[in-house]
PDB file of N, CA and C in Angstrom:
ATOM      1  N   MET A   1       0.654  26.637   5.696  1.00  0.00           N
ATOM      2  CA  MET A   1      -0.665  26.354   6.219  1.00  0.00           C
ATOM      3  C   MET A   1      -1.604  25.925   5.086  1.00  0.00           C
ATOM      4  N   VAL A   2      -1.552  26.622   3.979  1.00  0.00           N
ATOM      5  CA  VAL A   2      -2.421  26.297   2.850  1.00  0.00           C
ATOM      6  C   VAL A   2      -2.039  24.945   2.259  1.00  0.00           C
ATOM      7  N   ILE A   3      -0.758  24.692   2.154  1.00  0.00           N
ATOM      8  CA  ILE A   3      -0.301  23.420   1.584  1.00  0.00           C
ATOM      9  C   ILE A   3      -0.692  22.258   2.492  1.00  0.00           C
ATOM     10  N   LEU A   4      -0.490  22.407   3.800  1.00  0.00           N
ATOM     11  CA  LEU A   4      -0.882  21.336   4.721  1.00  0.00           C
ATOM     12  C   LEU A   4      -2.390  21.129   4.724  1.00  0.00           C
ATOM     13  N   GLY A   5      -3.143  22.210   4.642  1.00  0.00           N
ATOM     14  CA  GLY A   5      -4.599  22.092   4.554  1.00  0.00           C
ATOM     15  C   GLY A   5      -5.031  21.385   3.283  1.00  0.00           C
ATOM     16  N   GLY A   6      -4.378  21.713   2.179  1.00  0.00           N
ATOM     17  CA  GLY A   6      -4.688  21.043   0.919  1.00  0.00           C
ATOM     18  C   GLY A   6      -4.347  19.569   0.949  1.00  0.00           C
ATOM     19  N   LEU A   7      -3.201  19.239   1.538  1.00  0.00           N
ATOM     20  CA  LEU A   7      -2.817  17.827   1.655  1.00  0.00           C
ATOM     21  C   LEU A   7      -3.783  17.063   2.552  1.00  0.00           C
ATOM     22  N   THR A   8      -4.239  17.711   3.619  1.00  0.00           N
ATOM     23  CA  THR A   8      -5.210  17.079   4.511  1.00  0.00           C
ATOM     24  C   THR A   8      -6.531  16.841   3.781  1.00  0.00           C
ATOM     25  N   ALA A   9      -6.960  17.819   3.005  1.00  0.00           N
ATOM     26  CA  ALA A   9      -8.203  17.653   2.234  1.00  0.00           C
ATOM     27  C   ALA A   9      -8.057  16.540   1.200  1.00  0.00           C
ATOM     28  N   LEU A  10      -6.916  16.474   0.529  1.00  0.00           N
ATOM     29  CA  LEU A  10      -6.696  15.398  -0.452  1.00  0.00           C
ATOM     30  C   LEU A  10      -6.671  14.028   0.226  1.00  0.00           C
ATOM     31  N   ALA A  11      -6.039  13.937   1.391  1.00  0.00           N
ATOM     32  CA  ALA A  11      -6.017  12.666   2.114  1.00  0.00           C
ATOM     33  C   ALA A  11      -7.423  12.260   2.540  1.00  0.00           C
ATOM     34  N   ALA A  12      -8.225  13.228   2.966  1.00  0.00           N
ATOM     35  CA  ALA A  12      -9.605  12.921   3.359  1.00  0.00           C
ATOM     36  C   ALA A  12     -10.437  12.486   2.161  1.00  0.00           C
ATOM     37  N   LEU A  13     -10.268  13.166   1.033  1.00  0.00           N
ATOM     38  CA  LEU A  13     -10.994  12.764  -0.169  1.00  0.00           C
ATOM     39  C   LEU A  13     -10.577  11.374  -0.626  1.00  0.00           C
ATOM     40  N   TYR A  14      -9.297  11.045  -0.517  1.00  0.00           N
ATOM     41  CA  TYR A  14      -8.826   9.704  -0.879  1.00  0.00           C
ATOM     42  C   TYR A  14      -9.470   8.663   0.034  1.00  0.00           C
ATOM     43  N   SER A  15      -9.541   8.968   1.334  1.00  0.00           N
ATOM     44  CA  SER A  15     -10.158   8.033   2.283  1.00  0.00           C
ATOM     45  C   SER A  15     -11.628   7.813   1.958  1.00  0.00           C
ATOM     46  N   LEU A  16     -12.318   8.869   1.599  1.00  0.00           N
ATOM     47  CA  LEU A  16     -13.738   8.744   1.267  1.00  0.00           C
ATOM     48  C   LEU A  16     -13.953   8.029  -0.057  1.00  0.00           C
ATOM     49  N   ASN A  17     -13.043   8.233  -0.992  1.00  0.00           N
ATOM     50  CA  ASN A  17     -13.192   7.666  -2.330  1.00  0.00           C
ATOM     51  C   ASN A  17     -12.879   6.175  -2.372  1.00  0.00           C
ATOM     52  N   SER A  18     -11.954   5.723  -1.577  1.00  0.00           N
ATOM     53  CA  SER A  18     -11.549   4.316  -1.646  1.00  0.00           C
ATOM     54  C   SER A  18     -11.544   3.682  -0.261  1.00  0.00           C
ATOM     55  N   PRO A  19     -12.722   3.453   0.324  1.00  0.00           N
ATOM     56  CA  PRO A  19     -12.762   2.818   1.642  1.00  0.00           C
ATOM     57  C   PRO A  19     -12.274   1.376   1.565  1.00  0.00           C
ATOM     58  N   GLY A  20     -11.518   0.984   2.560  1.00  0.00           N
ATOM     59  CA  GLY A  20     -11.027  -0.390   2.621  1.00  0.00           C
ATOM     60  C   GLY A  20      -9.654  -0.572   2.019  1.00  0.00           C
ATOM     61  N   GLU A  21      -9.242   0.315   1.149  1.00  0.00           N
ATOM     62  CA  GLU A  21      -7.936   0.199   0.516  1.00  0.00           C
ATOM     63  C   GLU A  21      -6.930   1.052   1.282  1.00  0.00           C
ATOM     64  N   ARG A  22      -5.956   0.401   1.861  1.00  0.00           N
ATOM     65  CA  ARG A  22      -4.888   1.098   2.576  1.00  0.00           C
ATOM     66  C   ARG A  22      -5.429   2.024   3.657  1.00  0.00           C
ATOM     67  N   ASP A  23      -6.404   1.560   4.430  1.00  0.00           N
ATOM     68  CA  ASP A  23      -7.017   2.395   5.462  1.00  0.00           C
ATOM     69  C   ASP A  23      -6.015   2.833   6.520  1.00  0.00           C
ATOM     70  N   THR A  24      -5.154   1.928   6.928  1.00  0.00           N
ATOM     71  CA  THR A  24      -4.198   2.260   7.975  1.00  0.00           C
ATOM     72  C   THR A  24      -3.265   3.368   7.516  1.00  0.00           C
ATOM     73  N   LEU A  25      -2.795   3.282   6.307  1.00  0.00           N
ATOM     74  CA  LEU A  25      -1.914   4.315   5.763  1.00  0.00           C
ATOM     75  C   LEU A  25      -2.654   5.646   5.677  1.00  0.00           C
ATOM     76  N   SER A  26      -3.883   5.606   5.256  1.00  0.00           N
ATOM     77  CA  SER A  26      -4.669   6.827   5.106  1.00  0.00           C
ATOM     78  C   SER A  26      -4.914   7.505   6.445  1.00  0.00           C
ATOM     79  N   GLU A  27      -5.364   6.753   7.429  1.00  0.00           N
ATOM     80  CA  GLU A  27      -5.642   7.343   8.740  1.00  0.00           C
ATOM     81  C   GLU A  27      -4.349   7.737   9.448  1.00  0.00           C
ATOM     82  N   GLY A  28      -3.287   6.978   9.222  1.00  0.00           N
ATOM     83  CA  GLY A  28      -1.989   7.363   9.771  1.00  0.00           C
ATOM     84  C   GLY A  28      -1.508   8.671   9.177  1.00  0.00           C
ATOM     85  N   SER A  29      -1.772   8.874   7.891  1.00  0.00           N
ATOM     86  CA  SER A  29      -1.376  10.138   7.264  1.00  0.00           C
ATOM     87  C   SER A  29      -2.185  11.302   7.832  1.00  0.00           C
ATOM     88  N   HIS A  30      -3.443  11.061   8.190  1.00  0.00           N
ATOM     89  CA  HIS A  30      -4.223  12.122   8.837  1.00  0.00           C
ATOM     90  C   HIS A  30      -3.589  12.513  10.169  1.00  0.00           C
ATOM     91  N   ALA A  31      -3.165  11.526  10.938  1.00  0.00           N
ATOM     92  CA  ALA A  31      -2.541  11.815  12.227  1.00  0.00           C
ATOM     93  C   ALA A  31      -1.247  12.600  12.041  1.00  0.00           C
ATOM     94  N   VAL A  32      -0.429  12.200  11.085  1.00  0.00           N
ATOM     95  CA  VAL A  32       0.840  12.900  10.829  1.00  0.00           C
ATOM     96  C   VAL A  32       0.579  14.323  10.336  1.00  0.00           C
ATOM     97  N   LEU A  33      -0.354  14.480   9.416  1.00  0.00           N
ATOM     98  CA  LEU A  33      -0.685  15.821   8.925  1.00  0.00           C
ATOM     99  C   LEU A  33      -1.243  16.700  10.044  1.00  0.00           C
ATOM    100  N   GLY A  34      -1.991  16.107  10.957  1.00  0.00           N
ATOM    101  CA  GLY A  34      -2.498  16.864  12.103  1.00  0.00           C
ATOM    102  C   GLY A  34      -1.373  17.361  12.994  1.00  0.00           C
ATOM    103  N   VAL A  35      -0.392  16.514  13.236  1.00  0.00           N
ATOM    104  CA  VAL A  35       0.760  16.931  14.041  1.00  0.00           C
ATOM    105  C   VAL A  35       1.530  18.039  13.316  1.00  0.00           C
ATOM    106  N   LEU A  36       1.706  17.889  12.015  1.00  0.00           N
ATOM    107  CA  LEU A  36       2.397  18.925  11.236  1.00  0.00           C
ATOM    108  C   LEU A  36       1.628  20.250  11.265  1.00  0.00           C
ATOM    109  N   LEU A  37       0.310  20.181  11.166  1.00  0.00           N
ATOM    110  CA  LEU A  37      -0.495  21.398  11.277  1.00  0.00           C
ATOM    111  C   LEU A  37      -0.327  22.041  12.647  1.00  0.00           C
ATOM    112  N   PHE A  38      -0.284  21.222  13.696  1.00  0.00           N
ATOM    113  CA  PHE A  38      -0.174  21.744  15.051  1.00  0.00           C
ATOM    114  C   PHE A  38       1.161  22.441  15.283  1.00  0.00           C
ATOM    115  N   ILE A  39       2.247  21.889  14.779  1.00  0.00           N
ATOM    116  CA  ILE A  39       3.558  22.491  15.028  1.00  0.00           C
ATOM    117  C   ILE A  39       3.928  23.563  14.001  1.00  0.00           C
ATOM    118  N   SER A  40       3.142  23.700  12.956  1.00  0.00           N
ATOM    119  CA  SER A  40       3.484  24.650  11.895  1.00  0.00           C
ATOM    120  C   SER A  40       3.622  26.104  12.355  1.00  0.00           C
ATOM    121  N   PRO A  41       2.843  26.610  13.318  1.00  0.00           N
ATOM    122  CA  PRO A  41       3.061  28.003  13.725  1.00  0.00           C
ATOM    123  C   PRO A  41       4.466  28.263  14.267  1.00  0.00           C
ATOM    124  N   TRP A  42       5.022  27.309  14.976  1.00  0.00           N
ATOM    125  CA  TRP A  42       6.371  27.505  15.512  1.00  0.00           C
ATOM    126  C   TRP A  42       7.432  27.261  14.444  1.00  0.00           C
ATOM    127  N   VAL A  43       7.235  26.250  13.633  1.00  0.00           N
ATOM    128  CA  VAL A  43       8.222  25.917  12.612  1.00  0.00           C
ATOM    129  C   VAL A  43       8.274  26.987  11.529  1.00  0.00           C
ATOM    130  N   MET A  44       7.118  27.463  11.103  1.00  0.00           N
ATOM    131  CA  MET A  44       7.060  28.443  10.021  1.00  0.00           C
ATOM    132  C   MET A  44       7.098  29.888  10.512  1.00  0.00           C
ATOM    133  N   GLY A  45       7.083  30.085  11.816  1.00  0.00           N
ATOM    134  CA  GLY A  45       7.265  31.413  12.382  1.00  0.00           C
ATOM    135  C   GLY A  45       6.050  32.315  12.356  1.00  0.00           C
ATOM    136  N   PHE A  46       4.854  31.756  12.445  1.00  0.00           N
ATOM    137  CA  PHE A  46       3.669  32.616  12.501  1.00  0.00           C
ATOM    138  C   PHE A  46       2.897  32.419  13.800  1.00  0.00           C
ATOM    139  N   ALA A  47       3.589  31.993  14.856  1.00  0.00           N
ATOM    140  CA  ALA A  47       2.932  31.800  16.146  1.00  0.00           C
ATOM    141  C   ALA A  47       2.460  33.128  16.739  1.00  0.00           C
ATOM    142  N   ASP A  48       3.050  34.243  16.326  1.00  0.00           N
ATOM    143  CA  ASP A  48       2.634  35.548  16.834  1.00  0.00           C
ATOM    144  C   ASP A  48       1.376  36.083  16.146  1.00  0.00           C
ATOM    145  N   LEU A  49       0.975  35.479  15.042  1.00  0.00           N
ATOM    146  CA  LEU A  49      -0.280  35.835  14.378  1.00  0.00           C
ATOM    147  C   LEU A  49      -1.393  34.992  14.998  1.00  0.00           C
ATOM    148  N   THR A  50      -2.041  35.557  15.983  1.00  0.00           N
ATOM    149  CA  THR A  50      -2.936  34.800  16.855  1.00  0.00           C
ATOM    150  C   THR A  50      -4.016  34.018  16.115  1.00  0.00           C
ATOM    151  N   GLY A  51      -4.725  34.650  15.210  1.00  0.00           N
ATOM    152  CA  GLY A  51      -5.823  33.966  14.507  1.00  0.00           C
ATOM    153  C   GLY A  51      -5.348  32.801  13.668  1.00  0.00           C
ATOM    154  N   LEU A  52      -4.283  33.014  12.924  1.00  0.00           N
ATOM    155  CA  LEU A  52      -3.748  31.953  12.074  1.00  0.00           C
ATOM    156  C   LEU A  52      -3.158  30.821  12.913  1.00  0.00           C
ATOM    157  N   ALA A  53      -2.474  31.183  13.986  1.00  0.00           N
ATOM    158  CA  ALA A  53      -1.885  30.158  14.854  1.00  0.00           C
ATOM    159  C   ALA A  53      -2.970  29.305  15.510  1.00  0.00           C
ATOM    160  N   TRP A  54      -4.022  29.959  16.028  1.00  0.00           N
ATOM    161  CA  TRP A  54      -5.100  29.187  16.663  1.00  0.00           C
ATOM    162  C   TRP A  54      -5.809  28.289  15.660  1.00  0.00           C
ATOM    163  N   THR A  55      -5.967  28.772  14.446  1.00  0.00           N
ATOM    164  CA  THR A  55      -6.566  27.943  13.403  1.00  0.00           C
ATOM    165  C   THR A  55      -5.725  26.709  13.147  1.00  0.00           C
ATOM    166  N   ALA A  56      -4.416  26.875  13.062  1.00  0.00           N
ATOM    167  CA  ALA A  56      -3.519  25.742  12.835  1.00  0.00           C
ATOM    168  C   ALA A  56      -3.550  24.780  14.017  1.00  0.00           C
ATOM    169  N   TRP A  57      -3.554  25.312  15.237  1.00  0.00           N
ATOM    170  CA  TRP A  57      -3.566  24.439  16.418  1.00  0.00           C
ATOM    171  C   TRP A  57      -4.866  23.640  16.514  1.00  0.00           C
ATOM    172  N   ILE A  58      -5.991  24.300  16.304  1.00  0.00           N
ATOM    173  CA  ILE A  58      -7.283  23.604  16.412  1.00  0.00           C
ATOM    174  C   ILE A  58      -7.432  22.583  15.287  1.00  0.00           C
ATOM    175  N   ALA A  59      -7.119  22.992  14.065  1.00  0.00           N
ATOM    176  CA  ALA A  59      -7.213  22.059  12.935  1.00  0.00           C
ATOM    177  C   ALA A  59      -6.247  20.891  13.119  1.00  0.00           C
ATOM    178  N   GLY A  60      -5.067  21.166  13.645  1.00  0.00           N
ATOM    179  CA  GLY A  60      -4.095  20.102  13.883  1.00  0.00           C
ATOM    180  C   GLY A  60      -4.567  19.099  14.912  1.00  0.00           C
ATOM    181  N   VAL A  61      -5.116  19.591  16.008  1.00  0.00           N
ATOM    182  CA  VAL A  61      -5.607  18.687  17.053  1.00  0.00           C
ATOM    183  C   VAL A  61      -6.776  17.850  16.540  1.00  0.00           C
ATOM    184  N   VAL A  62      -7.731  18.496  15.869  1.00  0.00           N
ATOM    185  CA  VAL A  62      -8.892  17.759  15.355  1.00  0.00           C
ATOM    186  C   VAL A  62      -8.464  16.703  14.338  1.00  0.00           C
ATOM    187  N   THR A  63      -7.553  17.064  13.445  1.00  0.00           N
ATOM    188  CA  THR A  63      -7.091  16.132  12.415  1.00  0.00           C
ATOM    189  C   THR A  63      -6.319  14.975  13.028  1.00  0.00           C
ATOM    190  N   ALA A  64      -5.397  15.276  13.942  1.00  0.00           N
ATOM    191  CA  ALA A  64      -4.591  14.218  14.562  1.00  0.00           C
ATOM    192  C   ALA A  64      -5.451  13.280  15.409  1.00  0.00           C
ATOM    193  N   VAL A  65      -6.350  13.848  16.197  1.00  0.00           N
ATOM    194  CA  VAL A  65      -7.200  13.016  17.061  1.00  0.00           C
ATOM    195  C   VAL A  65      -8.123  12.132  16.224  1.00  0.00           C
ATOM    196  N   SER A  66      -8.714  12.686  15.173  1.00  0.00           N
ATOM    197  CA  SER A  66      -9.605  11.866  14.348  1.00  0.00           C
ATOM    198  C   SER A  66      -8.824  10.753  13.648  1.00  0.00           C
ATOM    199  N   GLY A  67      -7.615  11.033  13.210  1.00  0.00           N
ATOM    200  CA  GLY A  67      -6.793   9.989  12.595  1.00  0.00           C
ATOM    201  C   GLY A  67      -6.403   8.912  13.583  1.00  0.00           C
ATOM    202  N   LEU A  68      -6.027   9.328  14.794  1.00  0.00           N
ATOM    203  CA  LEU A  68      -5.627   8.354  15.815  1.00  0.00           C
ATOM    204  C   LEU A  68      -6.806   7.534  16.324  1.00  0.00           C
ATOM    205  N   LEU A  69      -7.973   8.153  16.434  1.00  0.00           N
ATOM    206  CA  LEU A  69      -9.152   7.406  16.891  1.00  0.00           C
ATOM    207  C   LEU A  69      -9.631   6.395  15.862  1.00  0.00           C
ATOM    208  N   ALA A  70      -9.348   6.628  14.606  1.00  0.00           N
ATOM    209  CA  ALA A  70      -9.775   5.702  13.551  1.00  0.00           C
ATOM    210  C   ALA A  70      -8.857   4.501  13.441  1.00  0.00           C
ATOM    211  N   LEU A  71      -7.616   4.619  13.873  1.00  0.00           N
ATOM    212  CA  LEU A  71      -6.659   3.515  13.723  1.00  0.00           C
ATOM    213  C   LEU A  71      -7.076   2.233  14.454  1.00  0.00           C
ATOM    214  N   PRO A  72      -7.520   2.273  15.724  1.00  0.00           N
ATOM    215  CA  PRO A  72      -7.944   1.013  16.367  1.00  0.00           C
ATOM    216  C   PRO A  72      -9.144   0.362  15.686  1.00  0.00           C
ATOM    217  N   GLN A  73     -10.061   1.163  15.166  1.00  0.00           N
ATOM    218  CA  GLN A  73     -11.218   0.604  14.476  1.00  0.00           C
ATOM    219  C   GLN A  73     -10.794  -0.114  13.208  1.00  0.00           C
ATOM    220  N   ILE A  74      -9.851   0.460  12.498  1.00  0.00           N
ATOM    221  CA  ILE A  74      -9.352  -0.175  11.276  1.00  0.00           C
ATOM    222  C   ILE A  74      -8.584  -1.436  11.612  1.00  0.00           C
ATOM    223  N   SER A  75      -7.783  -1.363  12.677  1.00  0.00           N
ATOM    224  CA  SER A  75      -6.992  -2.525  13.072  1.00  0.00           C
ATOM    225  C   SER A  75      -7.894  -3.696  13.457  1.00  0.00           C
ATOM    226  N   SER A  76      -8.955  -3.417  14.204  1.00  0.00           N
ATOM    227  CA  SER A  76      -9.854  -4.502  14.604  1.00  0.00           C
ATOM    228  C   SER A  76     -10.607  -5.059  13.399  1.00  0.00           C
ATOM    229  N   ARG A  77     -10.934  -4.218  12.452  1.00  0.00           N
ATOM    230  CA  ARG A  77     -11.629  -4.679  11.254  1.00  0.00           C
ATOM    231  C   ARG A  77     -10.717  -5.543  10.382  1.00  0.00           C
ATOM    232  N   MET A  78      -9.426  -5.205  10.355  1.00  0.00           N
ATOM    233  CA  MET A  78      -8.501  -5.947   9.519  1.00  0.00           C
ATOM    234  C   MET A  78      -8.110  -7.288  10.126  1.00  0.00           C
ATOM    235  N   HIS A  79      -8.236  -7.414  11.442  1.00  0.00           N
ATOM    236  CA  HIS A  79      -7.795  -8.650  12.109  1.00  0.00           C
ATOM    237  C   HIS A  79      -8.939  -9.563  12.503  1.00  0.00           C
ATOM    238  N   ARG A  80     -10.108  -9.360  11.964  1.00  0.00           N
ATOM    239  CA  ARG A  80     -11.240 -10.257  12.188  1.00  0.00           C
ATOM    240  C   ARG A  80     -11.071 -11.503  11.343  1.00  0.00           C
ATOM    241  N   PRO A  81     -11.532 -12.611  11.842  1.00  0.00           N
ATOM    242  CA  PRO A  81     -11.493 -13.808  10.994  1.00  0.00           C
ATOM    243  C   PRO A  81     -12.415 -13.654   9.781  1.00  0.00           C
ATOM    244  N   ALA A  82     -12.015 -14.230   8.721  1.00  0.00           N
ATOM    245  CA  ALA A  82     -12.809 -14.151   7.494  1.00  0.00           C
ATOM    246  C   ALA A  82     -14.117 -14.915   7.660  1.00  0.00           C
ATOM    247  N   ALA A  83     -15.155 -14.416   7.051  1.00  0.00           N
ATOM    248  CA  ALA A  83     -16.453 -15.070   7.126  1.00  0.00           C
ATOM    249  C   ALA A  83     -16.425 -16.329   6.259  1.00  0.00           C
ATOM    250  N   SER A  84     -17.015 -17.400   6.767  1.00  0.00           N
ATOM    251  CA  SER A  84     -17.082 -18.622   5.996  1.00  0.00           C
ATOM    252  C   SER A  84     -18.420 -18.706   5.288  1.00  0.00           C
ATOM    253  N   HIS A  85     -18.414 -19.393   4.186  1.00  0.00           N
ATOM    254  CA  HIS A  85     -19.641 -19.503   3.394  1.00  0.00           C
ATOM    255  C   HIS A  85     -20.318 -20.821   3.618  1.00  0.00           C
TER     256      HIS A  85
END
C-alpha cells in the first residue's frame, strides 16, 4: 500500500512538473496504479483490515477514474491541427 501510494505520488508530481511531455503515458500510469491500488487488499491479503482496505479501494477508484477521465482530453489536445502563423 505504501509503495503504490508512493508511486502514485511520484507519477502525479511528474505530471505536474512536465505538462505536455508524455501526457498519455502519465495519465495511463495513473489509471493502472489506481487499479493496482483497488485490487491490492485481495492480492496482498489485507481485505479483512477494514480501514486499510477501504482506504485502498477509495484511493484506487479516485486515482483510476481521474486517470481515465484525463485520457480523452489529452487525446483531443494531441490530435488538433497545428496552428498556422
